[in-house]
Amino acid sequence: MCLAVPGRILRVLDETPEARVAEVDFAGVRKSVNLVFLPEAAVGNYVVVHAGFATNLIPEAEALEAQEHFRQIQRLTASADA
């Protein structure tokens, strides 16, 4: 099963075109993400990330909605484990 997760670009760490990397925030978790497939991505943009690579730019509202769905899943999973 594959999962793509939305996150917001906080800062670009490496501007080298073939190895462009950014720090991306995933609802409080920060990770380094490769931007090689999205040369137009900029600080503040929301991106969908799969396997460490940003694959798509998405609107903020869509990203926030997806993050809320993940939070709901976490709450349901936590209550089922209790």
PDB file of N, CA and C in Angstrom:
ATOM      1  N   MET A   1       0.839  -1.175   0.000  1.00  0.00           N
ATOM      2  CA  MET A   1       0.000   0.000   0.000  1.00  0.00           C
ATOM      3  C   MET A   1       0.886   1.241   0.000  1.00  0.00           C
ATOM      4  N   CYS A   2       0.538   2.225  -0.790  1.00  0.00           N
ATOM      5  CA  CYS A   2       1.282   3.481  -0.863  1.00  0.00           C
ATOM      6  C   CYS A   2       0.473   4.583  -0.194  1.00  0.00           C
ATOM      7  N   LEU A   3       1.183   5.500   0.410  1.00  0.00           N
ATOM      8  CA  LEU A   3       0.534   6.610   1.071  1.00  0.00           C
ATOM      9  C   LEU A   3       1.277   7.895   0.721  1.00  0.00           C
ATOM     10  N   ALA A   4       0.562   8.870   0.239  1.00  0.00           N
ATOM     11  CA  ALA A   4       1.131  10.193  -0.037  1.00  0.00           C
ATOM     12  C   ALA A   4       0.573  11.154   1.004  1.00  0.00           C
ATOM     13  N   VAL A   5       1.435  11.967   1.571  1.00  0.00           N
ATOM     14  CA  VAL A   5       1.066  12.819   2.691  1.00  0.00           C
ATOM     15  C   VAL A   5       1.298  14.288   2.327  1.00  0.00           C
ATOM     16  N   PRO A   6       0.349  15.186   2.663  1.00  0.00           N
ATOM     17  CA  PRO A   6       0.552  16.611   2.381  1.00  0.00           C
ATOM     18  C   PRO A   6       1.367  17.293   3.475  1.00  0.00           C
ATOM     19  N   GLY A   7       2.189  18.248   3.061  1.00  0.00           N
ATOM     20  CA  GLY A   7       2.975  19.026   4.007  1.00  0.00           C
ATOM     21  C   GLY A   7       3.276  20.396   3.421  1.00  0.00           C
ATOM     22  N   ARG A   8       3.717  21.326   4.286  1.00  0.00           N
ATOM     23  CA  ARG A   8       4.006  22.696   3.860  1.00  0.00           C
ATOM     24  C   ARG A   8       5.515  22.923   3.864  1.00  0.00           C
ATOM     25  N   ILE A   9       6.016  23.490   2.789  1.00  0.00           N
ATOM     26  CA  ILE A   9       7.440  23.769   2.673  1.00  0.00           C
ATOM     27  C   ILE A   9       7.794  24.930   3.609  1.00  0.00           C
ATOM     28  N   LEU A  10       8.736  24.675   4.519  1.00  0.00           N
ATOM     29  CA  LEU A  10       9.177  25.689   5.468  1.00  0.00           C
ATOM     30  C   LEU A  10      10.384  26.461   4.951  1.00  0.00           C
ATOM     31  N   ARG A  11      11.333  25.740   4.370  1.00  0.00           N
ATOM     32  CA  ARG A  11      12.525  26.379   3.814  1.00  0.00           C
ATOM     33  C   ARG A  11      13.219  25.424   2.864  1.00  0.00           C
ATOM     34  N   VAL A  12      13.908  26.002   1.901  1.00  0.00           N
ATOM     35  CA  VAL A  12      14.676  25.208   0.955  1.00  0.00           C
ATOM     36  C   VAL A  12      16.081  25.053   1.527  1.00  0.00           C
ATOM     37  N   LEU A  13      16.536  23.808   1.648  1.00  0.00           N
ATOM     38  CA  LEU A  13      17.832  23.522   2.252  1.00  0.00           C
ATOM     39  C   LEU A  13      18.951  23.452   1.217  1.00  0.00           C
ATOM     40  N   ASP A  14      18.610  23.040   0.000  1.00  0.00           N
ATOM     41  CA  ASP A  14      19.604  22.899  -1.072  1.00  0.00           C
ATOM     42  C   ASP A  14      18.959  23.337  -2.369  1.00  0.00           C
ATOM     43  N   GLU A  15      19.546  24.309  -3.036  1.00  0.00           N
ATOM     44  CA  GLU A  15      18.993  24.856  -4.279  1.00  0.00           C
ATOM     45  C   GLU A  15      19.563  24.206  -5.536  1.00  0.00           C
ATOM     46  N   THR A  16      20.439  23.216  -5.390  1.00  0.00           N
ATOM     47  CA  THR A  16      21.001  22.542  -6.558  1.00  0.00           C
ATOM     48  C   THR A  16      19.860  21.939  -7.369  1.00  0.00           C
ATOM     49  N   PRO A  17      19.705  22.299  -8.661  1.00  0.00           N
ATOM     50  CA  PRO A  17      18.545  21.850  -9.442  1.00  0.00           C
ATOM     51  C   PRO A  17      18.319  20.331  -9.442  1.00  0.00           C
ATOM     52  N   GLU A  18      19.380  19.550  -9.526  1.00  0.00           N
ATOM     53  CA  GLU A  18      19.198  18.101  -9.587  1.00  0.00           C
ATOM     54  C   GLU A  18      19.085  17.440  -8.212  1.00  0.00           C
ATOM     55  N   ALA A  19      19.233  18.232  -7.149  1.00  0.00           N
ATOM     56  CA  ALA A  19      19.141  17.668  -5.800  1.00  0.00           C
ATOM     57  C   ALA A  19      18.474  18.653  -4.844  1.00  0.00           C
ATOM     58  N   ARG A  20      17.475  19.360  -5.318  1.00  0.00           N
ATOM     59  CA  ARG A  20      16.795  20.383  -4.511  1.00  0.00           C
ATOM     60  C   ARG A  20      16.056  19.719  -3.348  1.00  0.00           C
ATOM     61  N   VAL A  21      16.329  20.204  -2.138  1.00  0.00           N
ATOM     62  CA  VAL A  21      15.756  19.604  -0.936  1.00  0.00           C
ATOM     63  C   VAL A  21      15.168  20.707  -0.065  1.00  0.00           C
ATOM     64  N   ALA A  22      14.026  20.403   0.563  1.00  0.00           N
ATOM     65  CA  ALA A  22      13.372  21.368   1.446  1.00  0.00           C
ATOM     66  C   ALA A  22      13.021  20.718   2.774  1.00  0.00           C
ATOM     67  N   GLU A  23      12.870  21.559   3.789  1.00  0.00           N
ATOM     68  CA  GLU A  23      12.317  21.111   5.063  1.00  0.00           C
ATOM     69  C   GLU A  23      10.806  21.298   4.951  1.00  0.00           C
ATOM     70  N   VAL A  24      10.073  20.218   5.185  1.00  0.00           N
ATOM     71  CA  VAL A  24       8.618  20.230   5.033  1.00  0.00           C
ATOM     72  C   VAL A  24       7.970  19.844   6.356  1.00  0.00           C
ATOM     73  N   ASP A  25       6.917  20.582   6.715  1.00  0.00           N
ATOM     74  CA  ASP A  25       6.179  20.342   7.951  1.00  0.00           C
ATOM     75  C   ASP A  25       4.933  19.513   7.657  1.00  0.00           C
ATOM     76  N   PHE A  26       4.834  18.375   8.327  1.00  0.00           N
ATOM     77  CA  PHE A  26       3.670  17.494   8.214  1.00  0.00           C
ATOM     78  C   PHE A  26       2.921  17.532   9.541  1.00  0.00           C
ATOM     79  N   ALA A  27       2.118  18.564   9.740  1.00  0.00           N
ATOM     80  CA  ALA A  27       1.318  18.709  10.966  1.00  0.00           C
ATOM     81  C   ALA A  27       2.181  18.574  12.213  1.00  0.00           C
ATOM     82  N   GLY A  28       3.336  19.255  12.207  1.00  0.00           N
ATOM     83  CA  GLY A  28       4.207  19.251  13.366  1.00  0.00           C
ATOM     84  C   GLY A  28       5.440  18.379  13.252  1.00  0.00           C
ATOM     85  N   VAL A  29       5.459  17.471  12.320  1.00  0.00           N
ATOM     86  CA  VAL A  29       6.629  16.625  12.076  1.00  0.00           C
ATOM     87  C   VAL A  29       7.373  17.201  10.878  1.00  0.00           C
ATOM     88  N   ARG A  30       8.670  17.476  11.068  1.00  0.00           N
ATOM     89  CA  ARG A  30       9.466  18.085   9.999  1.00  0.00           C
ATOM     90  C   ARG A  30      10.405  17.053   9.387  1.00  0.00           C
ATOM     91  N   LYS A  31      10.422  17.032   8.065  1.00  0.00           N
ATOM     92  CA  LYS A  31      11.265  16.081   7.326  1.00  0.00           C
ATOM     93  C   LYS A  31      11.911  16.783   6.146  1.00  0.00           C
ATOM     94  N   SER A  32      13.043  16.251   5.701  1.00  0.00           N
ATOM     95  CA  SER A  32      13.667  16.710   4.464  1.00  0.00           C
ATOM     96  C   SER A  32      13.007  16.004   3.299  1.00  0.00           C
ATOM     97  N   VAL A  33      12.665  16.773   2.266  1.00  0.00           N
ATOM     98  CA  VAL A  33      11.942  16.240   1.112  1.00  0.00           C
ATOM     99  C   VAL A  33      12.642  16.697  -0.167  1.00  0.00           C
ATOM    100  N   ASN A  34      12.761  15.795  -1.111  1.00  0.00           N
ATOM    101  CA  ASN A  34      13.374  16.115  -2.397  1.00  0.00           C
ATOM    102  C   ASN A  34      12.338  16.801  -3.286  1.00  0.00           C
ATOM    103  N   LEU A  35      12.723  17.953  -3.856  1.00  0.00           N
ATOM    104  CA  LEU A  35      11.820  18.726  -4.716  1.00  0.00           C
ATOM    105  C   LEU A  35      12.157  18.597  -6.203  1.00  0.00           C
ATOM    106  N   VAL A  36      12.967  17.641  -6.570  1.00  0.00           N
ATOM    107  CA  VAL A  36      13.448  17.544  -7.950  1.00  0.00           C
ATOM    108  C   VAL A  36      12.302  17.475  -8.970  1.00  0.00           C
ATOM    109  N   PHE A  37      11.173  16.903  -8.621  1.00  0.00           N
ATOM    110  CA  PHE A  37      10.047  16.790  -9.553  1.00  0.00           C
ATOM    111  C   PHE A  37       9.189  18.053  -9.617  1.00  0.00           C
ATOM    112  N   LEU A  38       9.423  18.985  -8.687  1.00  0.00           N
ATOM    113  CA  LEU A  38       8.634  20.222  -8.620  1.00  0.00           C
ATOM    114  C   LEU A  38       9.553  21.439  -8.550  1.00  0.00           C
ATOM    115  N   PRO A  39      10.213  21.770  -9.642  1.00  0.00           N
ATOM    116  CA  PRO A  39      11.131  22.910  -9.610  1.00  0.00           C
ATOM    117  C   PRO A  39      10.447  24.227  -9.268  1.00  0.00           C
ATOM    118  N   GLU A  40       9.137  24.306  -9.469  1.00  0.00           N
ATOM    119  CA  GLU A  40       8.389  25.537  -9.183  1.00  0.00           C
ATOM    120  C   GLU A  40       7.970  25.659  -7.717  1.00  0.00           C
ATOM    121  N   ALA A  41       8.163  24.610  -6.913  1.00  0.00           N
ATOM    122  CA  ALA A  41       7.749  24.630  -5.509  1.00  0.00           C
ATOM    123  C   ALA A  41       8.542  25.682  -4.732  1.00  0.00           C
ATOM    124  N   ALA A  42       7.829  26.395  -3.842  1.00  0.00           N
ATOM    125  CA  ALA A  42       8.448  27.486  -3.081  1.00  0.00           C
ATOM    126  C   ALA A  42       8.022  27.413  -1.618  1.00  0.00           C
ATOM    127  N   VAL A  43       8.735  28.145  -0.787  1.00  0.00           N
ATOM    128  CA  VAL A  43       8.399  28.224   0.633  1.00  0.00           C
ATOM    129  C   VAL A  43       6.936  28.656   0.766  1.00  0.00           C
ATOM    130  N   GLY A  44       6.207  27.958   1.637  1.00  0.00           N
ATOM    131  CA  GLY A  44       4.794  28.252   1.865  1.00  0.00           C
ATOM    132  C   GLY A  44       3.848  27.383   1.057  1.00  0.00           C
ATOM    133  N   ASN A  45       4.351  26.774  -0.019  1.00  0.00           N
ATOM    134  CA  ASN A  45       3.514  25.875  -0.827  1.00  0.00           C
ATOM    135  C   ASN A  45       3.223  24.588  -0.062  1.00  0.00           C
ATOM    136  N   TYR A  46       2.078  24.002  -0.345  1.00  0.00           N
ATOM    137  CA  TYR A  46       1.751  22.672   0.156  1.00  0.00           C
ATOM    138  C   TYR A  46       2.038  21.674  -0.955  1.00  0.00           C
ATOM    139  N   VAL A  47       2.672  20.579  -0.566  1.00  0.00           N
ATOM    140  CA  VAL A  47       3.037  19.543  -1.526  1.00  0.00           C
ATOM    141  C   VAL A  47       2.574  18.188  -1.015  1.00  0.00           C
ATOM    142  N   VAL A  48       2.322  17.283  -1.947  1.00  0.00           N
ATOM    143  CA  VAL A  48       2.051  15.894  -1.617  1.00  0.00           C
ATOM    144  C   VAL A  48       3.381  15.159  -1.728  1.00  0.00           C
ATOM    145  N   VAL A  49       3.704  14.379  -0.690  1.00  0.00           N
ATOM    146  CA  VAL A  49       4.998  13.706  -0.633  1.00  0.00           C
ATOM    147  C   VAL A  49       4.802  12.200  -0.559  1.00  0.00           C
ATOM    148  N   HIS A  50       5.557  11.500  -1.383  1.00  0.00           N
ATOM    149  CA  HIS A  50       5.563  10.035  -1.374  1.00  0.00           C
ATOM    150  C   HIS A  50       7.004   9.574  -1.465  1.00  0.00           C
ATOM    151  N   ALA A  51       7.406   8.710  -0.554  1.00  0.00           N
ATOM    152  CA  ALA A  51       8.748   8.115  -0.544  1.00  0.00           C
ATOM    153  C   ALA A  51       9.848   9.171  -0.554  1.00  0.00           C
ATOM    154  N   GLY A  52       9.615  10.295   0.133  1.00  0.00           N
ATOM    155  CA  GLY A  52      10.624  11.325   0.259  1.00  0.00           C
ATOM    156  C   GLY A  52      10.688  12.333  -0.873  1.00  0.00           C
ATOM    157  N   PHE A  53       9.798  12.199  -1.864  1.00  0.00           N
ATOM    158  CA  PHE A  53       9.769  13.102  -3.009  1.00  0.00           C
ATOM    159  C   PHE A  53       8.446  13.849  -3.055  1.00  0.00           C
ATOM    160  N   ALA A  54       8.507  15.171  -3.231  1.00  0.00           N
ATOM    161  CA  ALA A  54       7.296  15.958  -3.462  1.00  0.00           C
ATOM    162  C   ALA A  54       6.829  15.655  -4.885  1.00  0.00           C
ATOM    163  N   THR A  55       5.569  15.269  -5.019  1.00  0.00           N
ATOM    164  CA  THR A  55       5.066  14.851  -6.333  1.00  0.00           C
ATOM    165  C   THR A  55       4.059  15.813  -6.935  1.00  0.00           C
ATOM    166  N   ASN A  56       3.374  16.598  -6.090  1.00  0.00           N
ATOM    167  CA  ASN A  56       2.350  17.530  -6.572  1.00  0.00           C
ATOM    168  C   ASN A  56       2.241  18.730  -5.652  1.00  0.00           C
ATOM    169  N   LEU A  57       1.919  19.875  -6.229  1.00  0.00           N
ATOM    170  CA  LEU A  57       1.507  21.032  -5.433  1.00  0.00           C
ATOM    171  C   LEU A  57       0.006  20.906  -5.213  1.00  0.00           C
ATOM    172  N   ILE A  58      -0.478  21.257  -4.020  1.00  0.00           N
ATOM    173  CA  ILE A  58      -1.917  21.202  -3.765  1.00  0.00           C
ATOM    174  C   ILE A  58      -2.347  22.472  -3.029  1.00  0.00           C
ATOM    175  N   PRO A  59      -3.623  22.831  -3.163  1.00  0.00           N
ATOM    176  CA  PRO A  59      -4.135  24.009  -2.454  1.00  0.00           C
ATOM    177  C   PRO A  59      -4.093  23.799  -0.939  1.00  0.00           C
ATOM    178  N   GLU A  60      -3.894  24.878  -0.207  1.00  0.00           N
ATOM    179  CA  GLU A  60      -3.816  24.815   1.252  1.00  0.00           C
ATOM    180  C   GLU A  60      -5.053  24.148   1.855  1.00  0.00           C
ATOM    181  N   ALA A  61      -6.227  24.517   1.385  1.00  0.00           N
ATOM    182  CA  ALA A  61      -7.466  23.954   1.953  1.00  0.00           C
ATOM    183  C   ALA A  61      -7.499  22.433   1.807  1.00  0.00           C
ATOM    184  N   GLU A  62      -7.068  21.940   0.676  1.00  0.00           N
ATOM    185  CA  GLU A  62      -7.043  20.485   0.448  1.00  0.00           C
ATOM    186  C   GLU A  62      -6.033  19.806   1.379  1.00  0.00           C
ATOM    187  N   ALA A  63      -4.875  20.423   1.561  1.00  0.00           N
ATOM    188  CA  ALA A  63      -3.854  19.862   2.449  1.00  0.00           C
ATOM    189  C   ALA A  63      -4.349  19.813   3.890  1.00  0.00           C
ATOM    190  N   LEU A  64      -4.958  20.908   4.350  1.00  0.00           N
ATOM    191  CA  LEU A  64      -5.458  20.955   5.721  1.00  0.00           C
ATOM    192  C   LEU A  64      -6.585  19.959   5.945  1.00  0.00           C
ATOM    193  N   GLU A  65      -7.426  19.770   4.946  1.00  0.00           N
ATOM    194  CA  GLU A  65      -8.503  18.774   5.049  1.00  0.00           C
ATOM    195  C   GLU A  65      -7.921  17.369   5.174  1.00  0.00           C
ATOM    196  N   ALA A  66      -6.919  17.067   4.385  1.00  0.00           N
ATOM    197  CA  ALA A  66      -6.285  15.748   4.451  1.00  0.00           C
ATOM    198  C   ALA A  66      -5.629  15.532   5.814  1.00  0.00           C
ATOM    199  N   GLN A  67      -4.963  16.576   6.343  1.00  0.00           N
ATOM    200  CA  GLN A  67      -4.334  16.455   7.651  1.00  0.00           C
ATOM    201  C   GLN A  67      -5.380  16.202   8.740  1.00  0.00           C
ATOM    202  N   GLU A  68      -6.537  16.835   8.613  1.00  0.00           N
ATOM    203  CA  GLU A  68      -7.608  16.601   9.587  1.00  0.00           C
ATOM    204  C   GLU A  68      -8.104  15.161   9.506  1.00  0.00           C
ATOM    205  N   HIS A  69      -8.204  14.611   8.322  1.00  0.00           N
ATOM    206  CA  HIS A  69      -8.600  13.198   8.178  1.00  0.00           C
ATOM    207  C   HIS A  69      -7.582  12.280   8.856  1.00  0.00           C
ATOM    208  N   PHE A  70      -6.296  12.576   8.711  1.00  0.00           N
ATOM    209  CA  PHE A  70      -5.264  11.768   9.373  1.00  0.00           C
ATOM    210  C   PHE A  70      -5.410  11.854  10.895  1.00  0.00           C
ATOM    211  N   ARG A  71      -5.696  13.053  11.420  1.00  0.00           N
ATOM    212  CA  ARG A  71      -5.897  13.202  12.863  1.00  0.00           C
ATOM    213  C   ARG A  71      -7.099  12.373  13.337  1.00  0.00           C
ATOM    214  N   GLN A  72      -8.175  12.374  12.559  1.00  0.00           N
ATOM    215  CA  GLN A  72      -9.348  11.578  12.919  1.00  0.00           C
ATOM    216  C   GLN A  72      -9.014  10.093  12.948  1.00  0.00           C
ATOM    217  N   ILE A  73      -8.248   9.644  11.991  1.00  0.00           N
ATOM    218  CA  ILE A  73      -7.833   8.235  11.952  1.00  0.00           C
ATOM    219  C   ILE A  73      -6.997   7.908  13.187  1.00  0.00           C
ATOM    220  N   GLN A  74      -6.087   8.814  13.560  1.00  0.00           N
ATOM    221  CA  GLN A  74      -5.264   8.596  14.750  1.00  0.00           C
ATOM    222  C   GLN A  74      -6.127   8.484  15.999  1.00  0.00           C
ATOM    223  N   ARG A  75      -7.117   9.365  16.127  1.00  0.00           N
ATOM    224  CA  ARG A  75      -7.998   9.317  17.303  1.00  0.00           C
ATOM    225  C   ARG A  75      -8.792   8.013  17.341  1.00  0.00           C
ATOM    226  N   LEU A  76      -9.312   7.598  16.208  1.00  0.00           N
ATOM    227  CA  LEU A  76     -10.077   6.354  16.157  1.00  0.00           C
ATOM    228  C   LEU A  76      -9.202   5.147  16.477  1.00  0.00           C
ATOM    229  N   THR A  77      -7.993   5.150  15.963  1.00  0.00           N
ATOM    230  CA  THR A  77      -7.059   4.051  16.232  1.00  0.00           C
ATOM    231  C   THR A  77      -6.688   4.012  17.692  1.00  0.00           C
ATOM    232  N   ALA A  78      -6.431   5.186  18.288  1.00  0.00           N
ATOM    233  CA  ALA A  78      -6.062   5.248  19.702  1.00  0.00           C
ATOM    234  C   ALA A  78      -7.209   4.765  20.589  1.00  0.00           C
ATOM    235  N   SER A  79      -8.434   5.141  20.267  1.00  0.00           N
ATOM    236  CA  SER A  79      -9.567   4.702  21.097  1.00  0.00           C
ATOM    237  C   SER A  79      -9.841   3.220  20.920  1.00  0.00           C
ATOM    238  N   ALA A  80      -9.559   2.670  19.760  1.00  0.00           N
ATOM    239  CA  ALA A  80      -9.752   1.228  19.540  1.00  0.00           C
ATOM    240  C   ALA A  80      -8.712   0.409  20.299  1.00  0.00           C
ATOM    241  N   ASP A  81      -7.516   0.990  20.484  1.00  0.00           N
ATOM    242  CA  ASP A  81      -6.439   0.289  21.198  1.00  0.00           C
ATOM    243  C   ASP A  81      -6.616   0.347  22.710  1.00  0.00           C
ATOM    244  N   ALA A  82      -7.454   1.275  23.200  1.00  0.00           N
ATOM    245  CA  ALA A  82      -7.615   1.460  24.645  1.00  0.00           C
ATOM    246  C   ALA A  82      -8.470   0.395  25.268  1.00  0.00           C
TER     247      ALA A  82
END
